Amino acid sequence: MSEPHCSKCCPVEPPAPATPDPLPSGAVVGALLIALAVVGGWLALVWAGATLFPG
């Protein structure tokens, strides 16, 4: 318990609850760009293979 005279001159606020920061939007955009590049590269390889070696 805080004493009544102390709360007048130096108020003590309880610490804010620790909440994790949300994922930054830049990280989400970067991950999507990387995923798009990987999928595009894979499709390009499959297309090139099908074109060069029709079967």
Protein backbone atom coordinates (compact mmCIF):
# COMPACT_ATOMS: atom_id res chain seq x y z
CA MET A 1 0.00 0.00 0.00
CA SER A 2 1.30 3.45 -0.80
CA GLU A 3 1.04 6.03 1.89
CA PRO A 4 -1.44 8.88 1.28
CA HIS A 5 1.14 11.67 1.52
CA CYS A 6 3.46 10.01 -1.00
CA SER A 7 0.89 9.69 -3.77
CA LYS A 8 0.38 13.46 -3.83
CA CYS A 9 3.96 14.48 -4.59
CA CYS A 10 5.21 11.48 -6.58
CA PRO A 11 2.43 9.49 -8.23
CA VAL A 12 3.40 5.98 -9.11
CA GLU A 13 1.75 4.46 -12.17
CA PRO A 14 1.67 0.71 -12.58
CA PRO A 15 3.83 -0.51 -15.45
CA ALA A 16 2.04 -1.03 -18.74
CA PRO A 17 1.44 -4.68 -19.60
CA ALA A 18 4.01 -6.01 -22.02
CA THR A 19 2.38 -6.53 -25.41
CA PRO A 20 4.39 -7.88 -28.32
CA ASP A 21 4.76 -5.49 -31.22
CA PRO A 22 2.75 -6.43 -34.27
CA LEU A 23 4.69 -7.63 -37.28
CA PRO A 24 5.87 -4.57 -39.23
CA SER A 25 4.17 -4.18 -42.59
CA GLY A 26 7.56 -3.89 -44.28
CA ALA A 27 8.44 -7.41 -43.15
CA VAL A 28 5.16 -8.74 -44.56
CA VAL A 29 5.73 -6.99 -47.89
CA GLY A 30 9.30 -8.27 -48.04
CA ALA A 31 8.20 -11.83 -47.34
CA LEU A 32 5.55 -11.60 -50.06
CA LEU A 33 8.09 -10.28 -52.56
CA ILE A 34 10.50 -13.10 -51.73
CA ALA A 35 7.73 -15.68 -52.06
CA LEU A 36 6.67 -14.17 -55.39
CA ALA A 37 10.26 -14.28 -56.66
CA VAL A 38 10.65 -17.93 -55.61
CA VAL A 39 7.38 -18.99 -57.25
CA GLY A 40 8.18 -16.99 -60.39
CA GLY A 41 11.62 -18.56 -60.60
CA TRP A 42 10.19 -22.02 -60.21
CA LEU A 43 7.59 -21.39 -62.92
CA ALA A 44 10.28 -20.03 -65.25
CA LEU A 45 12.39 -23.16 -64.72
CA VAL A 46 9.43 -25.46 -65.34
CA TRP A 47 8.45 -23.51 -68.48
CA ALA A 48 12.04 -23.54 -69.78
CA GLY A 49 12.34 -27.26 -69.12
CA ALA A 50 9.07 -27.99 -70.90
CA THR A 51 10.10 -25.83 -73.86
CA LEU A 52 13.63 -27.20 -74.23
CA PHE A 53 12.73 -30.81 -73.58
CA PRO A 54 9.21 -31.44 -74.87
CA GLY A 55 8.15 -34.84 -73.92
